[in-house]
Amino acid sequence: MNFKTEFEFELPMGYVDKEGNLHKKGSMRLATAIDEITVLNDMRVQSNEAYVVIVLLSRVITSLGTLRGINTGVIENLFAADLTFLQEFYRQINESGHTRREFTCPHCSKPFEVDLASLGGE
C-alpha cells in the first residue's frame, strides 16, 4: 500500500498576486501534530481565535501556482470561496487520508462519490 501525504487541489476562484497573476493549482500536505500545536502558540491566534485557520493553512499548503512560498499574507488574501474550499479540503484529507467524499443524491437517494480535488476546476 502506498501512503499518500500530499494532495493536489484546484481553487474555485484562485489567488491573485500583486502583479495580477492568477494561481489556482496547488498542493497540501497532511498536517502533523506539531502543525496543530504550533498554531495555538501563535500570538495572532491567541488574540483572535478565528485566525487559527489562516496560520494552519499557511503551514500545510506546500504550493500554489508559481508562488515561491505560502505565508499568512497569501491565505489572508484568498477569496472567501477559496478559503472555504481549503478548509473542507484540509478536513477531508486529514480525517480520511484521501480527497474522495460520499454524498447522497437529493432526488433519487442513491449514494455517489465526488473527488474534492477536482471540484475547484472549471
N, C-alpha and C. Protein backbone atom coordinates (compact mmCIF):
# COMPACT_ATOMS: atom_id res chain seq x y z
N MET A 1 0.85 -1.19 0.00
CA MET A 1 0.00 0.00 0.00
C MET A 1 0.89 1.25 0.00
N ASN A 2 0.52 2.21 -0.82
CA ASN A 2 1.28 3.45 -0.93
C ASN A 2 0.57 4.53 -0.12
N PHE A 3 1.24 5.03 0.92
CA PHE A 3 0.64 6.04 1.79
C PHE A 3 0.90 7.42 1.21
N LYS A 4 -0.16 8.15 0.97
CA LYS A 4 -0.07 9.47 0.35
C LYS A 4 -0.10 10.55 1.42
N THR A 5 0.86 11.49 1.36
CA THR A 5 0.90 12.56 2.36
C THR A 5 0.70 13.95 1.76
N GLU A 6 0.64 14.04 0.44
CA GLU A 6 0.43 15.33 -0.22
C GLU A 6 -0.63 15.17 -1.29
N PHE A 7 -1.53 16.17 -1.37
CA PHE A 7 -2.69 16.10 -2.25
C PHE A 7 -2.80 17.37 -3.08
N GLU A 8 -3.07 17.20 -4.37
CA GLU A 8 -3.23 18.34 -5.27
C GLU A 8 -4.67 18.85 -5.22
N PHE A 9 -4.82 20.15 -5.47
CA PHE A 9 -6.15 20.76 -5.50
C PHE A 9 -6.16 21.85 -6.54
N GLU A 10 -7.37 22.31 -6.87
CA GLU A 10 -7.55 23.47 -7.74
C GLU A 10 -8.61 24.36 -7.10
N LEU A 11 -8.23 25.59 -6.83
CA LEU A 11 -9.14 26.53 -6.17
C LEU A 11 -10.30 26.92 -7.09
N PRO A 12 -11.47 27.12 -6.54
CA PRO A 12 -12.62 27.53 -7.35
C PRO A 12 -12.43 28.90 -8.00
N MET A 13 -11.85 29.86 -7.26
CA MET A 13 -11.67 31.21 -7.78
C MET A 13 -10.20 31.46 -8.17
N GLY A 14 -9.31 31.21 -7.25
CA GLY A 14 -7.89 31.42 -7.48
C GLY A 14 -7.35 32.63 -6.75
N TYR A 15 -6.09 32.57 -6.41
CA TYR A 15 -5.42 33.66 -5.71
C TYR A 15 -4.81 34.61 -6.75
N VAL A 16 -5.05 35.89 -6.60
CA VAL A 16 -4.49 36.89 -7.50
C VAL A 16 -3.36 37.59 -6.76
N ASP A 17 -2.12 37.48 -7.31
CA ASP A 17 -0.97 38.09 -6.65
C ASP A 17 -0.89 39.59 -6.98
N LYS A 18 0.12 40.24 -6.43
CA LYS A 18 0.27 41.69 -6.60
C LYS A 18 0.47 42.11 -8.05
N GLU A 19 0.99 41.20 -8.87
CA GLU A 19 1.20 41.51 -10.29
C GLU A 19 -0.03 41.19 -11.14
N GLY A 20 -1.07 40.66 -10.50
CA GLY A 20 -2.30 40.33 -11.23
C GLY A 20 -2.33 38.92 -11.77
N ASN A 21 -1.35 38.08 -11.44
CA ASN A 21 -1.32 36.69 -11.90
C ASN A 21 -2.29 35.85 -11.07
N LEU A 22 -2.99 34.95 -11.75
CA LEU A 22 -3.95 34.07 -11.10
C LEU A 22 -3.29 32.73 -10.81
N HIS A 23 -3.41 32.26 -9.56
CA HIS A 23 -2.85 30.98 -9.13
C HIS A 23 -3.99 30.11 -8.62
N LYS A 24 -4.23 28.96 -9.28
CA LYS A 24 -5.35 28.10 -8.90
C LYS A 24 -4.92 26.72 -8.43
N LYS A 25 -3.90 26.16 -9.06
CA LYS A 25 -3.49 24.78 -8.73
C LYS A 25 -2.44 24.79 -7.64
N GLY A 26 -2.62 23.89 -6.70
CA GLY A 26 -1.68 23.81 -5.60
C GLY A 26 -1.66 22.44 -4.98
N SER A 27 -0.95 22.32 -3.87
CA SER A 27 -0.93 21.06 -3.15
C SER A 27 -0.89 21.34 -1.65
N MET A 28 -1.41 20.38 -0.92
CA MET A 28 -1.48 20.47 0.53
C MET A 28 -1.00 19.14 1.11
N ARG A 29 -0.18 19.24 2.15
CA ARG A 29 0.29 18.03 2.82
C ARG A 29 -0.59 17.75 4.03
N LEU A 30 -0.52 16.51 4.49
CA LEU A 30 -1.22 16.17 5.72
C LEU A 30 -0.62 16.97 6.87
N ALA A 31 -1.44 17.35 7.80
CA ALA A 31 -0.98 18.08 8.98
C ALA A 31 -0.35 17.11 9.97
N THR A 32 0.61 17.62 10.71
CA THR A 32 1.24 16.84 11.78
C THR A 32 0.77 17.41 13.12
N ALA A 33 1.07 16.69 14.16
CA ALA A 33 0.70 17.17 15.49
C ALA A 33 1.36 18.51 15.78
N ILE A 34 2.62 18.67 15.38
CA ILE A 34 3.33 19.93 15.64
C ILE A 34 2.68 21.10 14.89
N ASP A 35 2.12 20.84 13.71
CA ASP A 35 1.40 21.90 12.99
C ASP A 35 0.26 22.44 13.84
N GLU A 36 -0.53 21.54 14.39
CA GLU A 36 -1.70 21.95 15.15
C GLU A 36 -1.33 22.54 16.51
N ILE A 37 -0.24 22.08 17.10
CA ILE A 37 0.20 22.61 18.39
C ILE A 37 0.83 24.00 18.23
N THR A 38 1.71 24.14 17.23
CA THR A 38 2.41 25.39 17.00
C THR A 38 1.43 26.53 16.72
N VAL A 39 0.39 26.23 15.99
CA VAL A 39 -0.61 27.25 15.65
C VAL A 39 -1.20 27.87 16.91
N LEU A 40 -1.42 27.08 17.94
CA LEU A 40 -2.02 27.57 19.17
C LEU A 40 -1.11 28.54 19.92
N ASN A 41 0.19 28.47 19.66
CA ASN A 41 1.14 29.38 20.30
C ASN A 41 1.33 30.69 19.55
N ASP A 42 0.77 30.78 18.36
CA ASP A 42 0.89 31.99 17.54
C ASP A 42 0.13 33.13 18.21
N MET A 43 0.78 34.27 18.37
CA MET A 43 0.16 35.43 19.03
C MET A 43 -1.11 35.90 18.31
N ARG A 44 -1.14 35.79 16.99
CA ARG A 44 -2.32 36.22 16.23
C ARG A 44 -3.52 35.34 16.57
N VAL A 45 -3.26 34.05 16.77
CA VAL A 45 -4.33 33.11 17.13
C VAL A 45 -4.79 33.37 18.56
N GLN A 46 -3.85 33.67 19.43
CA GLN A 46 -4.19 33.94 20.83
C GLN A 46 -5.05 35.19 20.98
N SER A 47 -4.84 36.16 20.09
CA SER A 47 -5.66 37.37 20.17
C SER A 47 -6.94 37.28 19.34
N ASN A 48 -7.00 36.34 18.40
CA ASN A 48 -8.20 36.15 17.58
C ASN A 48 -8.27 34.69 17.16
N GLU A 49 -9.12 33.94 17.86
CA GLU A 49 -9.25 32.50 17.65
C GLU A 49 -9.53 32.13 16.20
N ALA A 50 -10.26 32.95 15.48
CA ALA A 50 -10.62 32.66 14.10
C ALA A 50 -9.39 32.61 13.19
N TYR A 51 -8.29 33.18 13.63
CA TYR A 51 -7.07 33.24 12.82
C TYR A 51 -6.37 31.88 12.72
N VAL A 52 -6.80 30.92 13.52
CA VAL A 52 -6.15 29.60 13.52
C VAL A 52 -6.13 28.98 12.12
N VAL A 53 -7.21 29.14 11.36
CA VAL A 53 -7.27 28.55 10.02
C VAL A 53 -6.25 29.19 9.09
N ILE A 54 -6.02 30.48 9.23
CA ILE A 54 -5.06 31.19 8.38
C ILE A 54 -3.65 30.65 8.62
N VAL A 55 -3.26 30.56 9.88
CA VAL A 55 -1.92 30.08 10.22
C VAL A 55 -1.76 28.61 9.85
N LEU A 56 -2.76 27.81 10.13
CA LEU A 56 -2.67 26.38 9.84
C LEU A 56 -2.55 26.13 8.34
N LEU A 57 -3.38 26.78 7.55
CA LEU A 57 -3.30 26.58 6.09
C LEU A 57 -1.96 27.06 5.53
N SER A 58 -1.42 28.13 6.10
CA SER A 58 -0.12 28.62 5.61
C SER A 58 0.99 27.62 5.89
N ARG A 59 0.80 26.76 6.87
CA ARG A 59 1.80 25.73 7.20
C ARG A 59 1.68 24.50 6.30
N VAL A 60 0.45 24.11 5.93
CA VAL A 60 0.25 22.83 5.23
C VAL A 60 0.12 22.95 3.71
N ILE A 61 -0.15 24.14 3.20
CA ILE A 61 -0.19 24.31 1.74
C ILE A 61 1.26 24.41 1.27
N THR A 62 1.66 23.48 0.43
CA THR A 62 3.06 23.40 0.01
C THR A 62 3.33 24.13 -1.29
N SER A 63 2.30 24.34 -2.08
CA SER A 63 2.48 25.10 -3.33
C SER A 63 1.15 25.69 -3.77
N LEU A 64 1.25 26.79 -4.50
CA LEU A 64 0.08 27.41 -5.11
C LEU A 64 0.57 28.14 -6.35
N GLY A 65 0.22 27.60 -7.50
CA GLY A 65 0.66 28.17 -8.76
C GLY A 65 2.16 28.31 -8.80
N THR A 66 2.64 29.48 -9.20
CA THR A 66 4.08 29.72 -9.31
C THR A 66 4.63 30.53 -8.13
N LEU A 67 3.83 30.67 -7.07
CA LEU A 67 4.30 31.40 -5.89
C LEU A 67 5.51 30.71 -5.29
N ARG A 68 6.47 31.49 -4.83
CA ARG A 68 7.69 30.93 -4.22
C ARG A 68 7.46 30.39 -2.82
N GLY A 69 6.50 30.94 -2.12
CA GLY A 69 6.22 30.50 -0.77
C GLY A 69 4.81 30.85 -0.36
N ILE A 70 4.27 30.08 0.55
CA ILE A 70 2.93 30.34 1.05
C ILE A 70 3.08 30.85 2.48
N ASN A 71 2.50 32.01 2.75
CA ASN A 71 2.55 32.57 4.10
C ASN A 71 1.15 33.04 4.47
N THR A 72 1.01 33.57 5.67
CA THR A 72 -0.31 34.01 6.12
C THR A 72 -0.87 35.13 5.25
N GLY A 73 0.00 35.95 4.67
CA GLY A 73 -0.46 37.02 3.78
C GLY A 73 -1.18 36.48 2.56
N VAL A 74 -0.71 35.38 2.02
CA VAL A 74 -1.37 34.75 0.87
C VAL A 74 -2.75 34.24 1.30
N ILE A 75 -2.79 33.52 2.40
CA ILE A 75 -4.06 32.94 2.87
C ILE A 75 -5.06 34.04 3.22
N GLU A 76 -4.60 35.11 3.83
CA GLU A 76 -5.48 36.24 4.18
C GLU A 76 -6.13 36.86 2.96
N ASN A 77 -5.47 36.79 1.83
CA ASN A 77 -5.97 37.45 0.62
C ASN A 77 -6.68 36.51 -0.35
N LEU A 78 -6.99 35.31 0.10
CA LEU A 78 -7.80 34.41 -0.72
C LEU A 78 -9.24 34.89 -0.73
N PHE A 79 -9.95 34.59 -1.79
CA PHE A 79 -11.38 34.85 -1.82
C PHE A 79 -12.06 33.92 -0.82
N ALA A 80 -13.18 34.34 -0.27
CA ALA A 80 -13.89 33.54 0.74
C ALA A 80 -14.22 32.14 0.23
N ALA A 81 -14.60 32.02 -1.04
CA ALA A 81 -14.93 30.70 -1.61
C ALA A 81 -13.72 29.78 -1.58
N ASP A 82 -12.53 30.33 -1.84
CA ASP A 82 -11.31 29.52 -1.83
C ASP A 82 -10.94 29.12 -0.40
N LEU A 83 -11.11 30.02 0.54
CA LEU A 83 -10.82 29.70 1.93
C LEU A 83 -11.74 28.59 2.42
N THR A 84 -13.01 28.67 2.10
CA THR A 84 -13.97 27.62 2.47
C THR A 84 -13.59 26.30 1.82
N PHE A 85 -13.23 26.33 0.55
CA PHE A 85 -12.80 25.12 -0.16
C PHE A 85 -11.60 24.49 0.54
N LEU A 86 -10.59 25.31 0.88
CA LEU A 86 -9.38 24.78 1.50
C LEU A 86 -9.63 24.23 2.90
N GLN A 87 -10.54 24.84 3.65
CA GLN A 87 -10.89 24.31 4.97
C GLN A 87 -11.52 22.92 4.84
N GLU A 88 -12.42 22.77 3.90
CA GLU A 88 -13.06 21.46 3.68
C GLU A 88 -12.04 20.45 3.16
N PHE A 89 -11.18 20.88 2.26
CA PHE A 89 -10.14 20.00 1.71
C PHE A 89 -9.21 19.53 2.84
N TYR A 90 -8.80 20.45 3.71
CA TYR A 90 -7.96 20.12 4.87
C TYR A 90 -8.64 19.07 5.74
N ARG A 91 -9.90 19.32 6.07
CA ARG A 91 -10.65 18.37 6.91
C ARG A 91 -10.71 17.00 6.27
N GLN A 92 -11.02 16.97 4.98
CA GLN A 92 -11.19 15.70 4.29
C GLN A 92 -9.90 14.89 4.26
N ILE A 93 -8.79 15.50 3.87
CA ILE A 93 -7.56 14.71 3.75
C ILE A 93 -7.01 14.32 5.12
N ASN A 94 -7.22 15.14 6.13
CA ASN A 94 -6.68 14.82 7.45
C ASN A 94 -7.57 13.86 8.23
N GLU A 95 -8.83 13.79 7.92
CA GLU A 95 -9.72 12.85 8.59
C GLU A 95 -9.73 11.49 7.91
N SER A 96 -9.62 11.46 6.59
CA SER A 96 -9.75 10.19 5.88
C SER A 96 -8.52 9.78 5.08
N GLY A 97 -7.60 10.70 4.85
CA GLY A 97 -6.39 10.35 4.09
C GLY A 97 -6.59 10.32 2.58
N HIS A 98 -7.74 10.81 2.11
CA HIS A 98 -7.98 10.88 0.66
C HIS A 98 -8.90 12.06 0.37
N THR A 99 -9.09 12.35 -0.90
CA THR A 99 -9.88 13.52 -1.30
C THR A 99 -11.29 13.15 -1.76
N ARG A 100 -11.63 11.87 -1.69
CA ARG A 100 -12.97 11.44 -2.12
C ARG A 100 -13.95 11.53 -0.96
N ARG A 101 -15.16 11.96 -1.27
CA ARG A 101 -16.20 12.06 -0.25
C ARG A 101 -17.51 11.54 -0.80
N GLU A 102 -18.25 10.83 0.02
CA GLU A 102 -19.52 10.27 -0.43
C GLU A 102 -20.66 11.22 -0.10
N PHE A 103 -21.57 11.35 -1.07
CA PHE A 103 -22.77 12.18 -0.91
C PHE A 103 -23.98 11.34 -1.29
N THR A 104 -25.16 11.85 -0.99
CA THR A 104 -26.40 11.19 -1.37
C THR A 104 -27.16 12.12 -2.31
N CYS A 105 -27.63 11.58 -3.41
CA CYS A 105 -28.40 12.36 -4.37
C CYS A 105 -29.72 12.80 -3.72
N PRO A 106 -30.02 14.09 -3.75
CA PRO A 106 -31.27 14.55 -3.12
C PRO A 106 -32.53 14.13 -3.87
N HIS A 107 -32.37 13.71 -5.13
CA HIS A 107 -33.52 13.33 -5.95
C HIS A 107 -33.84 11.84 -5.88
N CYS A 108 -32.78 11.01 -6.01
CA CYS A 108 -33.03 9.56 -6.05
C CYS A 108 -32.52 8.83 -4.81
N SER A 109 -31.85 9.53 -3.92
CA SER A 109 -31.31 8.99 -2.67
C SER A 109 -30.21 7.96 -2.85
N LYS A 110 -29.64 7.89 -4.04
CA LYS A 110 -28.53 6.96 -4.27
C LYS A 110 -27.22 7.64 -3.86
N PRO A 111 -26.33 6.86 -3.26
CA PRO A 111 -25.02 7.44 -2.89
C PRO A 111 -24.13 7.59 -4.12
N PHE A 112 -23.28 8.62 -4.10
CA PHE A 112 -22.29 8.80 -5.14
C PHE A 112 -21.06 9.44 -4.53
N GLU A 113 -19.94 9.27 -5.20
CA GLU A 113 -18.68 9.75 -4.67
C GLU A 113 -18.17 10.90 -5.52
N VAL A 114 -17.58 11.91 -4.84
CA VAL A 114 -17.01 13.07 -5.51
C VAL A 114 -15.57 13.22 -5.04
N ASP A 115 -14.68 13.52 -5.97
CA ASP A 115 -13.30 13.78 -5.62
C ASP A 115 -13.17 15.28 -5.39
N LEU A 116 -12.96 15.69 -4.13
CA LEU A 116 -12.90 17.11 -3.78
C LEU A 116 -11.76 17.84 -4.50
N ALA A 117 -10.71 17.12 -4.84
CA ALA A 117 -9.58 17.75 -5.53
C ALA A 117 -9.98 18.27 -6.89
N SER A 118 -11.01 17.71 -7.48
CA SER A 118 -11.43 18.12 -8.83
C SER A 118 -12.53 19.16 -8.82
N LEU A 119 -13.04 19.54 -7.66
CA LEU A 119 -14.16 20.47 -7.60
C LEU A 119 -13.80 21.90 -7.96
N GLY A 120 -12.58 22.31 -7.72
CA GLY A 120 -12.21 23.69 -7.94
C GLY A 120 -12.14 24.09 -9.40
N GLY A 121 -11.80 23.15 -10.27
CA GLY A 121 -11.57 23.47 -11.68
C GLY A 121 -12.83 23.85 -12.42
N GLU A 122 -12.60 24.38 -13.63
CA GLU A 122 -13.73 24.82 -14.46
C GLU A 122 -14.39 23.65 -15.14
